[in-house]
N, C-alpha and C. Protein backbone atom coordinates (compact mmCIF):
# COMPACT_ATOMS: atom_id res chain seq x y z
N MET A 1 19.02 5.28 15.73
CA MET A 1 19.43 5.49 14.91
C MET A 1 18.95 7.16 14.34
N ALA A 2 20.33 7.97 14.05
CA ALA A 2 19.95 8.83 13.41
C ALA A 2 19.85 9.28 12.04
N PHE A 3 19.48 10.40 11.73
CA PHE A 3 18.82 10.98 10.19
C PHE A 3 19.87 11.63 9.66
N TYR A 4 20.02 11.35 8.58
CA TYR A 4 20.89 12.03 7.80
C TYR A 4 20.38 12.46 6.15
N GLU A 5 21.33 13.55 6.00
CA GLU A 5 20.80 13.98 4.58
C GLU A 5 22.42 13.97 3.76
N CYS A 6 22.45 13.28 2.45
CA CYS A 6 24.30 13.30 2.16
C CYS A 6 24.08 13.57 0.61
N VAL A 7 24.62 14.59 -0.02
CA VAL A 7 24.52 15.68 -1.27
C VAL A 7 25.84 15.04 -1.36
N LEU A 8 26.03 14.01 -2.88
CA LEU A 8 27.05 13.93 -3.43
C LEU A 8 27.08 14.50 -4.97
N ILE A 9 28.19 15.27 -5.17
CA ILE A 9 28.92 15.55 -6.76
C ILE A 9 29.91 14.08 -6.88
N ALA A 10 29.07 14.21 -8.26
CA ALA A 10 30.23 12.36 -9.39
C ALA A 10 31.09 13.63 -10.23
N ARG A 11 32.08 13.15 -11.01
CA ARG A 11 32.45 13.68 -11.45
C ARG A 11 31.58 14.15 -12.98
N GLN A 12 31.65 14.85 -14.22
CA GLN A 12 30.98 14.54 -15.21
C GLN A 12 31.43 13.13 -16.51
N ASP A 13 32.54 13.25 -16.19
CA ASP A 13 33.03 12.31 -17.64
C ASP A 13 31.97 10.62 -17.12
N VAL A 14 31.30 10.65 -15.78
CA VAL A 14 30.83 9.67 -14.98
C VAL A 14 29.35 9.52 -16.04
N SER A 15 29.00 8.43 -16.25
CA SER A 15 27.47 8.29 -16.68
C SER A 15 26.69 8.46 -15.66
N ALA A 16 25.43 8.47 -16.08
CA ALA A 16 24.28 7.97 -14.86
C ALA A 16 24.18 6.88 -14.19
N SER A 17 24.53 5.93 -15.50
CA SER A 17 24.34 4.66 -15.16
C SER A 17 25.39 4.59 -13.83
N GLN A 18 26.28 4.93 -14.20
CA GLN A 18 27.73 4.71 -13.51
C GLN A 18 28.01 5.18 -11.80
N VAL A 19 26.71 6.17 -11.65
CA VAL A 19 26.24 7.13 -10.77
C VAL A 19 25.41 6.55 -10.15
N GLU A 20 24.46 5.59 -10.69
CA GLU A 20 23.53 4.78 -9.77
C GLU A 20 24.12 3.20 -9.40
N SER A 21 25.18 2.69 -9.86
CA SER A 21 26.03 1.92 -9.36
C SER A 21 26.92 2.34 -8.48
N LEU A 22 27.14 3.38 -8.32
CA LEU A 22 28.07 4.12 -7.25
C LEU A 22 26.58 4.02 -5.89
N ILE A 23 25.90 4.43 -6.32
CA ILE A 23 24.83 4.48 -5.09
C ILE A 23 24.52 3.19 -4.12
N ALA A 24 24.56 2.41 -5.33
CA ALA A 24 24.05 1.30 -5.06
C ALA A 24 25.54 0.26 -4.27
N ASP A 25 26.70 0.68 -4.60
CA ASP A 25 27.88 0.63 -3.59
C ASP A 25 27.78 0.65 -2.80
N TYR A 26 27.26 2.52 -2.28
CA TYR A 26 27.43 3.18 -0.57
C TYR A 26 25.86 2.64 -0.09
N THR A 27 24.98 1.98 -0.10
CA THR A 27 23.34 1.66 -0.30
C THR A 27 24.14 0.13 0.67
N LYS A 28 24.56 -0.34 0.05
CA LYS A 28 25.24 -1.63 0.73
C LYS A 28 25.57 -1.53 1.67
N ILE A 29 27.02 -0.52 1.68
CA ILE A 29 27.88 -0.25 2.58
C ILE A 29 27.00 0.10 4.16
N LEU A 30 25.91 1.06 4.20
CA LEU A 30 24.98 1.75 4.77
C LEU A 30 24.52 -0.01 5.15
N GLU A 31 24.09 -0.84 4.98
CA GLU A 31 22.94 -1.59 5.05
C GLU A 31 24.41 -2.88 5.71
N ASP A 32 25.37 -2.88 5.57
CA ASP A 32 26.16 -3.94 6.21
C ASP A 32 26.64 -3.32 7.72
N ASN A 33 26.40 -1.92 7.75
CA ASN A 33 26.77 -1.27 8.89
C ASN A 33 25.67 -1.17 9.90
N GLY A 34 24.34 -1.71 9.63
CA GLY A 34 23.07 -1.45 10.43
C GLY A 34 22.36 -0.17 9.94
N GLY A 35 22.82 0.18 8.67
CA GLY A 35 21.83 1.56 8.27
C GLY A 35 20.98 1.02 7.03
N ARG A 36 20.13 2.08 6.74
CA ARG A 36 19.41 1.81 5.63
C ARG A 36 19.46 2.98 4.54
N VAL A 37 19.25 3.48 3.79
CA VAL A 37 18.60 4.53 2.81
C VAL A 37 17.50 4.70 2.61
N ALA A 38 16.56 5.70 3.14
CA ALA A 38 15.19 5.68 2.93
C ALA A 38 14.57 6.67 1.29
N GLY A 39 15.59 6.83 0.90
CA GLY A 39 15.17 7.65 -0.24
C GLY A 39 16.71 8.03 -1.10
N SER A 40 16.43 8.12 -2.52
CA SER A 40 17.05 8.60 -2.94
C SER A 40 16.88 9.58 -4.47
N GLU A 41 17.39 10.52 -4.79
CA GLU A 41 16.88 11.64 -5.77
C GLU A 41 18.23 11.97 -6.54
N TYR A 42 18.32 11.48 -7.72
CA TYR A 42 19.21 11.95 -8.76
C TYR A 42 18.76 13.46 -9.11
N TRP A 43 19.63 14.58 -9.14
CA TRP A 43 19.20 16.10 -9.47
C TRP A 43 19.63 16.40 -10.86
N GLY A 44 20.60 15.31 -11.63
CA GLY A 44 20.92 15.51 -12.77
C GLY A 44 22.31 16.09 -12.90
N LEU A 45 22.72 16.13 -14.36
CA LEU A 45 24.18 16.72 -14.37
C LEU A 45 24.12 18.04 -14.83
N ARG A 46 24.48 19.18 -13.57
CA ARG A 46 24.87 20.65 -13.26
C ARG A 46 25.84 21.25 -13.13
N THR A 47 25.58 22.12 -13.60
CA THR A 47 26.66 23.30 -14.30
C THR A 47 27.41 23.36 -12.40
N LEU A 48 28.41 23.38 -11.93
CA LEU A 48 29.40 23.41 -10.52
C LEU A 48 29.34 25.49 -11.16
N SER A 49 29.55 25.88 -9.40
CA SER A 49 29.18 27.61 -9.60
C SER A 49 31.11 27.87 -10.01
N TYR A 50 31.91 26.97 -9.43
CA TYR A 50 33.60 27.10 -9.88
C TYR A 50 33.73 25.71 -10.01
N ARG A 51 34.87 25.58 -10.42
CA ARG A 51 35.98 24.84 -10.84
C ARG A 51 36.24 23.99 -10.18
N ILE A 52 36.06 22.38 -10.03
CA ILE A 52 36.67 21.39 -9.00
C ILE A 52 37.15 20.58 -9.22
N LYS A 53 38.73 20.00 -9.21
CA LYS A 53 39.47 19.10 -9.32
C LYS A 53 39.36 18.97 -11.39
N LYS A 54 39.33 20.39 -12.27
CA LYS A 54 39.05 20.61 -13.39
C LYS A 54 38.02 19.94 -14.10
N ASN A 55 37.01 20.14 -13.03
CA ASN A 55 35.57 19.54 -13.83
C ASN A 55 34.79 21.11 -13.69
N ARG A 56 34.33 21.25 -14.31
CA ARG A 56 33.51 22.58 -14.56
C ARG A 56 31.65 21.74 -14.25
N LYS A 57 31.19 20.66 -14.50
CA LYS A 57 29.98 19.85 -14.11
C LYS A 57 29.87 18.89 -13.06
N GLY A 58 28.83 18.41 -13.01
CA GLY A 58 28.80 17.43 -11.74
C GLY A 58 27.15 16.36 -11.77
N HIS A 59 27.18 15.59 -11.50
CA HIS A 59 26.26 14.51 -11.58
C HIS A 59 25.97 14.68 -9.88
N TYR A 60 24.59 15.58 -9.83
CA TYR A 60 24.31 16.07 -8.32
C TYR A 60 23.46 14.63 -7.48
N GLN A 61 23.59 13.94 -6.31
CA GLN A 61 22.67 12.91 -5.92
C GLN A 61 22.90 13.54 -4.51
N MET A 62 21.39 12.86 -4.07
CA MET A 62 20.76 13.24 -2.86
C MET A 62 20.37 11.95 -2.26
N LEU A 63 20.92 11.44 -0.81
CA LEU A 63 20.32 10.17 0.04
C LEU A 63 19.95 10.99 1.23
N ARG A 64 18.62 9.97 1.44
CA ARG A 64 18.14 10.27 3.10
C ARG A 64 18.35 9.19 3.61
N ILE A 65 19.12 9.21 4.61
CA ILE A 65 19.73 8.12 5.78
C ILE A 65 19.28 7.62 6.83
N ASP A 66 18.94 6.87 7.08
CA ASP A 66 18.40 6.06 8.83
C ASP A 66 19.58 5.32 8.86
N ALA A 67 20.50 5.59 9.91
CA ALA A 67 21.91 4.68 9.95
C ALA A 67 22.36 5.39 11.18
N PRO A 68 23.25 4.42 12.26
CA PRO A 68 24.08 4.92 13.08
C PRO A 68 25.20 5.80 12.79
N ALA A 69 25.62 6.44 13.34
CA ALA A 69 27.38 7.59 12.86
C ALA A 69 28.31 6.61 12.55
N ALA A 70 28.20 5.36 12.97
CA ALA A 70 29.70 5.05 12.33
C ALA A 70 29.42 4.03 11.14
N ALA A 71 28.42 4.07 10.82
CA ALA A 71 27.96 3.85 9.54
C ALA A 71 28.43 4.91 8.47
N VAL A 72 27.85 6.26 8.69
CA VAL A 72 28.04 7.15 8.58
C VAL A 72 29.20 7.43 8.10
N HIS A 73 29.86 7.32 9.10
CA HIS A 73 31.58 7.34 8.66
C HIS A 73 32.22 6.61 7.95
N GLU A 74 32.05 4.90 8.00
CA GLU A 74 31.96 4.53 6.88
C GLU A 74 31.95 4.91 5.16
N LEU A 75 30.52 5.51 5.22
CA LEU A 75 30.25 5.72 3.76
C LEU A 75 31.06 7.09 3.76
N GLU A 76 31.26 7.90 4.28
CA GLU A 76 32.25 8.94 4.26
C GLU A 76 33.35 9.07 3.60
N ARG A 77 34.10 7.66 4.47
CA ARG A 77 35.60 7.34 4.06
C ARG A 77 35.73 6.58 2.99
N ASN A 78 34.32 5.87 2.42
CA ASN A 78 34.50 5.17 1.17
C ASN A 78 34.49 6.59 0.01
N MET A 79 33.14 7.64 0.55
CA MET A 79 32.92 8.85 -0.77
C MET A 79 34.69 9.28 -0.88
N ARG A 80 35.31 9.34 -0.25
CA ARG A 80 36.54 10.53 0.09
C ARG A 80 37.79 9.52 -0.43
N LEU A 81 37.60 8.34 -0.62
CA LEU A 81 38.43 7.74 -1.60
C LEU A 81 38.51 7.33 -2.82
N SER A 82 37.10 8.13 -3.28
CA SER A 82 36.21 7.53 -4.49
C SER A 82 37.39 7.96 -5.66
N ASP A 83 37.57 7.49 -6.34
CA ASP A 83 38.07 8.92 -8.09
C ASP A 83 36.59 9.68 -8.90
N ASP A 84 35.66 9.40 -8.21
CA ASP A 84 34.44 9.98 -9.05
C ASP A 84 33.89 10.91 -8.67
N VAL A 85 34.22 10.74 -6.87
CA VAL A 85 33.05 11.79 -6.34
C VAL A 85 33.90 12.70 -6.13
N ILE A 86 33.19 14.35 -6.72
CA ILE A 86 34.57 15.03 -5.91
C ILE A 86 34.33 15.70 -4.99
N ARG A 87 32.70 15.95 -4.49
CA ARG A 87 32.33 16.67 -3.16
C ARG A 87 31.44 15.45 -2.55
N TYR A 88 31.22 16.03 -1.20
CA TYR A 88 29.92 14.83 -0.60
C TYR A 88 29.70 15.92 0.33
N MET A 89 28.24 16.30 1.02
CA MET A 89 27.53 16.64 2.56
C MET A 89 26.74 15.91 3.12
N THR A 90 27.13 15.71 4.29
CA THR A 90 26.59 14.95 4.97
C THR A 90 25.98 15.88 6.13
N VAL A 91 24.39 15.94 6.25
CA VAL A 91 24.47 16.77 7.66
C VAL A 91 22.71 15.91 8.33
N ARG A 92 23.36 15.94 9.49
CA ARG A 92 22.17 15.32 10.54
C ARG A 92 21.08 16.13 10.57
N VAL A 93 19.83 15.50 10.66
CA VAL A 93 18.45 16.50 10.26
C VAL A 93 17.89 15.43 11.46
N GLU A 94 16.90 16.52 12.07
CA GLU A 94 15.86 15.84 13.03
C GLU A 94 15.14 14.80 12.47
N GLU A 95 14.36 14.83 10.87
CA GLU A 95 13.55 13.55 10.25
C GLU A 95 13.75 13.58 9.05
N LEU A 96 13.23 13.07 8.54
CA LEU A 96 13.68 12.62 6.75
C LEU A 96 12.45 13.08 6.43
N GLU A 97 12.38 14.33 5.42
CA GLU A 97 11.42 14.56 4.97
C GLU A 97 10.69 13.70 4.06
N GLU A 98 9.44 13.83 3.49
CA GLU A 98 8.78 12.84 2.67
C GLU A 98 8.62 13.87 1.39
N GLY A 99 8.64 13.01 0.33
CA GLY A 99 8.27 13.77 -1.08
C GLY A 99 9.79 14.25 -1.87
N PRO A 100 9.12 15.13 -2.91
CA PRO A 100 10.41 15.56 -3.71
C PRO A 100 11.23 16.57 -2.47
N SER A 101 12.54 16.87 -3.19
CA SER A 101 12.96 17.86 -2.09
C SER A 101 12.45 19.41 -2.57
N VAL A 102 13.62 20.13 -2.21
CA VAL A 102 13.07 21.86 -2.79
C VAL A 102 14.11 21.95 -3.61
N VAL A 103 15.18 20.85 -4.41
CA VAL A 103 15.78 21.16 -5.77
C VAL A 103 14.58 20.71 -6.43
N MET A 104 14.10 19.70 -6.41
CA MET A 104 12.97 18.65 -7.39
C MET A 104 11.81 19.47 -7.33
N GLN A 105 11.49 20.22 -6.55
CA GLN A 105 10.14 21.24 -6.51
C GLN A 105 10.44 22.29 -8.19
N GLN A 106 11.75 23.10 -7.26
CA GLN A 106 11.58 24.21 -8.60
C GLN A 106 11.84 23.59 -9.65
N ARG A 107 12.31 22.57 -10.01
CA ARG A 107 12.77 21.98 -11.00
C ARG A 107 11.48 21.60 -12.37
N ASN A 108 10.26 21.33 -11.06
CA ASN A 108 9.28 21.13 -11.21
C ASN A 108 8.31 22.46 -12.19
N THR A 109 8.68 23.77 -11.13
CA THR A 109 7.75 24.69 -11.57
C THR A 109 8.78 25.73 -12.74
N ARG A 110 9.99 25.08 -13.19
CA ARG A 110 10.92 25.70 -14.31
C ARG A 110 9.73 25.76 -16.02
N ASP A 111 8.97 24.33 -15.51
CA ASP A 111 8.32 23.81 -16.87
C ASP A 111 7.32 24.75 -16.90
N ASP A 112 6.31 25.08 -16.17
CA ASP A 112 5.52 26.05 -15.84
C ASP A 112 5.35 27.48 -16.98
N ARG A 113 6.86 28.03 -17.37
CA ARG A 113 6.87 29.16 -17.56
C ARG A 113 6.62 29.02 -19.06
N GLY A 114 7.00 28.49 -19.69
CA GLY A 114 5.97 28.08 -21.16
C GLY A 114 7.18 28.40 -21.98
N PRO A 115 7.24 28.92 -22.93
CA PRO A 115 8.29 29.45 -24.13
C PRO A 115 8.56 30.61 -24.03
N ARG A 116 10.05 30.93 -24.42
CA ARG A 116 11.00 32.02 -24.04
C ARG A 116 10.27 33.15 -24.72
N GLY A 117 9.57 33.15 -25.79
CA GLY A 117 9.19 34.17 -26.60
C GLY A 117 7.65 34.91 -25.96
N ASP A 118 7.44 34.51 -24.79
CA ASP A 118 5.94 34.85 -24.34
C ASP A 118 6.32 35.68 -23.10
N ARG A 119 7.62 36.00 -22.88
CA ARG A 119 8.08 36.88 -21.50
C ARG A 119 8.53 37.85 -21.79
N ARG A 120 8.11 38.98 -21.46
CA ARG A 120 8.52 40.46 -21.73
C ARG A 120 9.82 40.82 -22.04
N GLY A 121 9.85 40.99 -23.20
CA GLY A 121 11.32 41.79 -23.48
C GLY A 121 11.78 41.65 -24.78
N GLY A 122 10.67 40.82 -25.93
CA GLY A 122 11.03 40.94 -26.69
C GLY A 122 11.77 40.39 -27.60
N GLY A 123 13.25 39.77 -27.02
CA GLY A 123 13.98 39.23 -27.53
C GLY A 123 15.44 40.93 -27.63
N ARG A 124 16.06 40.61 -28.73
CA ARG A 124 17.24 41.72 -28.80
C ARG A 124 16.60 42.70 -29.60
N PHE A 125 16.02 43.17 -30.45
CA PHE A 125 16.17 43.83 -31.14
C PHE A 125 14.63 43.97 -31.20
N GLY A 126 13.59 43.38 -30.51
CA GLY A 126 12.18 43.36 -30.72
C GLY A 126 11.30 44.45 -29.99
N GLY A 127 10.15 44.08 -29.71
CA GLY A 127 9.32 45.15 -29.33
C GLY A 127 9.43 45.63 -27.46
N ASP A 128 8.37 45.25 -27.45
CA ASP A 128 8.44 45.89 -25.87
C ASP A 128 9.20 45.72 -24.85
N GLY A 129 10.52 46.20 -24.36
CA GLY A 129 11.65 46.14 -23.75
C GLY A 129 11.06 46.38 -22.19
N PRO A 130 12.80 46.39 -21.31
CA PRO A 130 12.29 46.62 -20.16
C PRO A 130 12.04 47.70 -20.00
N ARG A 131 12.18 49.02 -20.63
CA ARG A 131 11.43 50.50 -20.48
C ARG A 131 10.23 50.39 -20.57
N GLY A 132 9.70 49.32 -21.98
CA GLY A 132 8.35 49.89 -22.58
C GLY A 132 7.99 50.47 -23.99
N ASP A 133 10.03 50.41 -24.70
CA ASP A 133 9.49 51.46 -25.85
C ASP A 133 9.18 50.29 -26.59
N GLY A 134 8.33 50.64 -26.84
CA GLY A 134 7.72 49.66 -28.40
C GLY A 134 8.17 50.16 -29.41
N PRO A 135 7.71 49.76 -30.85
CA PRO A 135 8.18 50.35 -32.00
C PRO A 135 8.06 51.41 -32.45
N ARG A 136 7.14 51.83 -31.61
CA ARG A 136 7.12 53.64 -32.02
C ARG A 136 7.80 54.38 -30.98
N GLY A 137 8.56 53.68 -30.50
CA GLY A 137 10.21 54.20 -29.47
C GLY A 137 9.42 55.65 -28.17
N ASP A 138 7.82 54.98 -28.30
CA ASP A 138 6.74 56.17 -26.71
C ASP A 138 7.19 55.22 -25.99
N GLY A 139 8.07 55.08 -24.87
CA GLY A 139 8.33 54.24 -23.77
C GLY A 139 7.91 55.22 -22.56
N PRO A 140 8.12 55.15 -21.75
CA PRO A 140 8.18 55.79 -20.34
C PRO A 140 8.23 57.59 -20.37
N ARG A 141 9.28 57.96 -21.13
CA ARG A 141 9.60 59.06 -21.06
C ARG A 141 9.24 59.87 -22.25
N GLY A 142 7.87 59.04 -23.03
CA GLY A 142 7.19 59.98 -23.97
C GLY A 142 7.37 59.92 -25.42
N PRO A 143 7.43 60.18 -26.56
CA PRO A 143 7.63 59.95 -27.93
C PRO A 143 8.95 60.46 -28.24
N ARG A 144 9.77 59.95 -28.81
CA ARG A 144 11.25 60.66 -29.35
C ARG A 144 10.96 62.34 -30.13
N PRO A 145 12.00 62.83 -29.87
CA PRO A 145 12.03 64.33 -30.41
C PRO A 145 12.24 63.99 -32.31
N PRO A 146 11.72 65.18 -33.00
CA PRO A 146 11.53 65.18 -33.86
C PRO A 146 13.36 65.38 -34.67
N ARG A 147 13.44 64.93 -36.00
CA ARG A 147 14.72 64.76 -36.45
C ARG A 147 15.19 65.87 -36.93
N ASP A 148 16.17 66.43 -36.39
CA ASP A 148 16.54 67.58 -37.64
C ASP A 148 17.31 67.13 -39.30
N ASN A 149 16.00 67.78 -40.14
CA ASN A 149 16.39 67.33 -41.52
C ASN A 149 17.57 68.53 -42.01
N ALA A 150 18.05 69.36 -41.61
CA ALA A 150 19.26 70.08 -42.14
C ALA A 150 20.78 69.26 -41.99
N ARG A 151 20.68 68.90 -40.92
CA ARG A 151 21.94 68.24 -40.63
C ARG A 151 21.82 66.95 -41.62
N GLU A 152 21.06 66.10 -41.52
CA GLU A 152 20.56 64.50 -42.99
C GLU A 152 21.13 65.16 -44.15
N ALA A 153 20.59 66.35 -44.53
CA ALA A 153 20.72 67.07 -46.18
C ALA A 153 22.05 67.40 -46.23
N GLU A 154 23.21 67.69 -45.73
CA GLU A 154 24.66 67.80 -45.67
C GLU A 154 25.39 66.45 -45.50
N GLY A 155 24.70 65.83 -45.09
CA GLY A 155 25.42 64.34 -45.06
C GLY A 155 26.38 64.06 -43.60
N GLY A 156 25.40 64.48 -42.83
CA GLY A 156 26.79 64.66 -41.37
C GLY A 156 26.29 65.37 -40.60
N ALA A 157 26.80 66.03 -39.42
CA ALA A 157 26.45 66.81 -38.30
C ALA A 157 26.88 68.16 -39.15
N ALA A 158 26.16 68.98 -39.04
CA ALA A 158 26.51 70.50 -39.63
C ALA A 158 26.61 71.27 -38.42
N ALA A 159 27.52 72.07 -38.73
CA ALA A 159 27.98 73.35 -38.00
C ALA A 159 26.94 74.37 -37.58
N PRO A 160 27.27 74.67 -36.06
CA PRO A 160 25.77 75.70 -35.85
C PRO A 160 25.99 77.27 -36.73
N ALA A 161 24.74 77.57 -37.07
CA ALA A 161 24.82 78.78 -37.79
C ALA A 161 25.57 79.99 -36.66
N SER A 162 25.69 80.05 -35.51
CA SER A 162 26.11 80.99 -34.58
C SER A 162 28.01 80.58 -34.22
N ALA A 163 28.05 80.04 -35.24
CA ALA A 163 29.61 79.85 -34.85
C ALA A 163 30.56 80.55 -35.95
N PRO A 164 31.80 81.17 -34.84
CA PRO A 164 32.50 82.24 -35.38
C PRO A 164 33.09 81.42 -36.48
N ALA A 165 33.88 82.82 -37.56
CA ALA A 165 34.44 82.06 -38.57
C ALA A 165 35.72 82.16 -38.62
N SER A 166 36.53 81.51 -38.92
CA SER A 166 37.88 81.08 -38.17
C SER A 166 38.63 82.25 -38.83
N GLU A 167 38.58 82.96 -40.09
CA GLU A 167 38.98 83.86 -40.96
C GLU A 167 39.61 85.12 -40.49
N GLY A 168 40.59 86.12 -40.34
CA GLY A 168 40.70 86.75 -39.83
C GLY A 168 40.86 86.75 -37.93
N ALA A 169 42.03 85.80 -38.04
CA ALA A 169 42.20 85.85 -36.42
C ALA A 169 42.89 87.36 -36.19
N ALA A 170 42.08 87.70 -34.50
CA ALA A 170 42.73 88.68 -33.93
C ALA A 170 44.62 88.52 -33.70
N GLU A 171 45.33 90.06 -34.38
CA GLU A 171 46.97 89.86 -33.80
C GLU A 171 46.99 89.99 -32.28
């Protein structure tokens, strides 16, 4: 028998328990045809990169299968006929991996980052942004130049002192 990994995406309208019943049905199909499901992982309800059949999200499930080719063809035929499965992909592999898949390993490492406030950037208006400009404004370009107080006293932008007078236009 050959080894396969099958990832399927179920509609977002379907509950997680209904996805489990789908997987139970597919497991029974494989066992009836001489195969077995070596492992199964539920990856959760995830956002799709683009809309598929008017769905923006989908329930992802991965199956590790040890079955003959005929059993996998029957499984794929049933997934194609099901309205709850919007996409599937089956890949033949040399051997079945033990332990969690890469997707589940990445999910576990995200929890180690801590709360959002601990990250560099300080929020929308806060402290040390990506340029390093703290509350004093002394970023990598140095401190800000002093403001021109004469402009502020007049209530707006004042004309430079060297501007020519507009009276007495040349003829």
